[in-house]
Amino acid sequence: MVIRLDIANFLVHKVLVDNGSSADIIFWDVIKRIGLEDAQLDPVHTPLVGFGGSGVASMGTISLPLSMGKNRKGRR
């Protein structure tokens, strides 16, 4: 399922919903468009590893306010 969400008061289109995922990924260009700074990310030293076994370094983690639904009340 692909939806749109309000993330940190920024409407993000084409968000893939995957209930089986162990990580929620936001691309770096979206982080920059939202106006977040590198310093707001908490560093992560563990790579994300896919089914093929190859690892990808993460830029970090961050908690953001998220709204979904017709009345767009906040949900975390």
C-alpha atoms as a PDB file:
ATOM      1  CA  MET A   1       0.000   0.000   0.000  1.00  0.00           C
ATOM      2  CA  VAL A   2       1.288   3.462  -0.901  1.00  0.00           C
ATOM      3  CA  ILE A   3      -0.118   6.475   0.961  1.00  0.00           C
ATOM      4  CA  ARG A   4       0.741  10.083   1.766  1.00  0.00           C
ATOM      5  CA  LEU A   5       1.504  11.280   5.285  1.00  0.00           C
ATOM      6  CA  ASP A   6       2.073  14.515   7.136  1.00  0.00           C
ATOM      7  CA  ILE A   7       5.548  14.083   8.643  1.00  0.00           C
ATOM      8  CA  ALA A   8       6.839  16.975  10.766  1.00  0.00           C
ATOM      9  CA  ASN A   9       4.194  19.271   9.178  1.00  0.00           C
ATOM     10  CA  PHE A  10       5.404  18.352   5.667  1.00  0.00           C
ATOM     11  CA  LEU A  11       3.133  16.413   3.298  1.00  0.00           C
ATOM     12  CA  VAL A  12       5.092  13.413   1.959  1.00  0.00           C
ATOM     13  CA  HIS A  13       3.630  11.591  -1.054  1.00  0.00           C
ATOM     14  CA  LYS A  14       4.190   7.968  -2.080  1.00  0.00           C
ATOM     15  CA  VAL A  15       4.970   6.480   1.351  1.00  0.00           C
ATOM     16  CA  LEU A  16       5.243   2.684   1.132  1.00  0.00           C
ATOM     17  CA  VAL A  17       3.526   0.913   4.041  1.00  0.00           C
ATOM     18  CA  ASP A  18       5.238  -2.405   4.826  1.00  0.00           C
ATOM     19  CA  ASN A  19       3.998  -4.002   8.060  1.00  0.00           C
ATOM     20  CA  GLY A  20       6.741  -6.647   7.898  1.00  0.00           C
ATOM     21  CA  SER A  21       9.584  -4.138   7.817  1.00  0.00           C
ATOM     22  CA  SER A  22      11.938  -3.789  10.779  1.00  0.00           C
ATOM     23  CA  ALA A  23      13.069  -0.284   9.709  1.00  0.00           C
ATOM     24  CA  ASP A  24      11.281   2.845   8.495  1.00  0.00           C
ATOM     25  CA  ILE A  25      13.437   4.664   5.957  1.00  0.00           C
ATOM     26  CA  ILE A  26      13.195   8.288   4.849  1.00  0.00           C
ATOM     27  CA  PHE A  27      15.489   9.294   2.007  1.00  0.00           C
ATOM     28  CA  TRP A  28      18.065  12.003   2.724  1.00  0.00           C
ATOM     29  CA  ASP A  29      16.577  14.475   0.210  1.00  0.00           C
ATOM     30  CA  VAL A  30      13.237  14.283   2.072  1.00  0.00           C
ATOM     31  CA  ILE A  31      15.006  14.980   5.388  1.00  0.00           C
ATOM     32  CA  LYS A  32      16.591  18.074   3.818  1.00  0.00           C
ATOM     33  CA  ARG A  33      13.293  19.274   2.275  1.00  0.00           C
ATOM     34  CA  ILE A  34      11.586  18.996   5.665  1.00  0.00           C
ATOM     35  CA  GLY A  35      14.299  21.333   6.972  1.00  0.00           C
ATOM     36  CA  LEU A  36      15.985  19.013   9.450  1.00  0.00           C
ATOM     37  CA  GLU A  37      19.677  19.329  10.261  1.00  0.00           C
ATOM     38  CA  ASP A  38      22.336  16.626  10.560  1.00  0.00           C
ATOM     39  CA  ALA A  39      22.738  17.481  14.258  1.00  0.00           C
ATOM     40  CA  GLN A  40      19.129  16.406  14.941  1.00  0.00           C
ATOM     41  CA  LEU A  41      19.923  12.793  14.014  1.00  0.00           C
ATOM     42  CA  ASP A  42      21.031  10.342  16.680  1.00  0.00           C
ATOM     43  CA  PRO A  43      24.043   8.407  15.328  1.00  0.00           C
ATOM     44  CA  VAL A  44      23.716   4.695  14.563  1.00  0.00           C
ATOM     45  CA  HIS A  45      26.748   2.430  14.246  1.00  0.00           C
ATOM     46  CA  THR A  46      24.917  -0.715  13.115  1.00  0.00           C
ATOM     47  CA  PRO A  47      24.303  -1.179   9.365  1.00  0.00           C
ATOM     48  CA  LEU A  48      20.926  -2.082   7.889  1.00  0.00           C
ATOM     49  CA  VAL A  49      21.251  -5.605   6.480  1.00  0.00           C
ATOM     50  CA  GLY A  50      18.971  -6.903   3.733  1.00  0.00           C
ATOM     51  CA  PHE A  51      17.960 -10.446   2.841  1.00  0.00           C
ATOM     52  CA  GLY A  52      20.982 -10.761   0.549  1.00  0.00           C
ATOM     53  CA  GLY A  53      23.301 -10.138   3.492  1.00  0.00           C
ATOM     54  CA  SER A  54      24.754  -6.853   2.233  1.00  0.00           C
ATOM     55  CA  GLY A  55      24.819  -3.952   4.675  1.00  0.00           C
ATOM     56  CA  VAL A  56      24.041  -0.263   4.171  1.00  0.00           C
ATOM     57  CA  ALA A  57      25.159   2.466   6.563  1.00  0.00           C
ATOM     58  CA  SER A  58      22.402   4.582   8.124  1.00  0.00           C
ATOM     59  CA  MET A  59      22.753   8.341   8.558  1.00  0.00           C
ATOM     60  CA  GLY A  60      21.084   8.009  11.984  1.00  0.00           C
ATOM     61  CA  THR A  61      17.704   7.881  13.699  1.00  0.00           C
ATOM     62  CA  ILE A  62      15.147  10.542  14.533  1.00  0.00           C
ATOM     63  CA  SER A  63      11.635  10.619  16.008  1.00  0.00           C
ATOM     64  CA  LEU A  64       9.218  12.786  14.028  1.00  0.00           C
ATOM     65  CA  PRO A  65       5.558  13.717  14.560  1.00  0.00           C
ATOM     66  CA  LEU A  66       3.308  11.851  12.117  1.00  0.00           C
ATOM     67  CA  SER A  67      -0.299  12.575  11.095  1.00  0.00           C
ATOM     68  CA  MET A  68      -2.573  10.354   9.042  1.00  0.00           C
ATOM     69  CA  GLY A  69      -6.273  10.170   8.325  1.00  0.00           C
ATOM     70  CA  LYS A  70      -8.856  12.723   7.305  1.00  0.00           C
ATOM     71  CA  ASN A  71      -8.706  14.898  10.421  1.00  0.00           C
ATOM     72  CA  ARG A  72      -4.867  14.708  10.540  1.00  0.00           C
ATOM     73  CA  LYS A  73      -4.623  14.412  14.309  1.00  0.00           C
ATOM     74  CA  GLY A  74      -1.085  13.632  15.422  1.00  0.00           C
ATOM     75  CA  ARG A  75      -0.023  10.050  15.923  1.00  0.00           C
ATOM     76  CA  ARG A  76       3.373   8.740  16.992  1.00  0.00           C
END
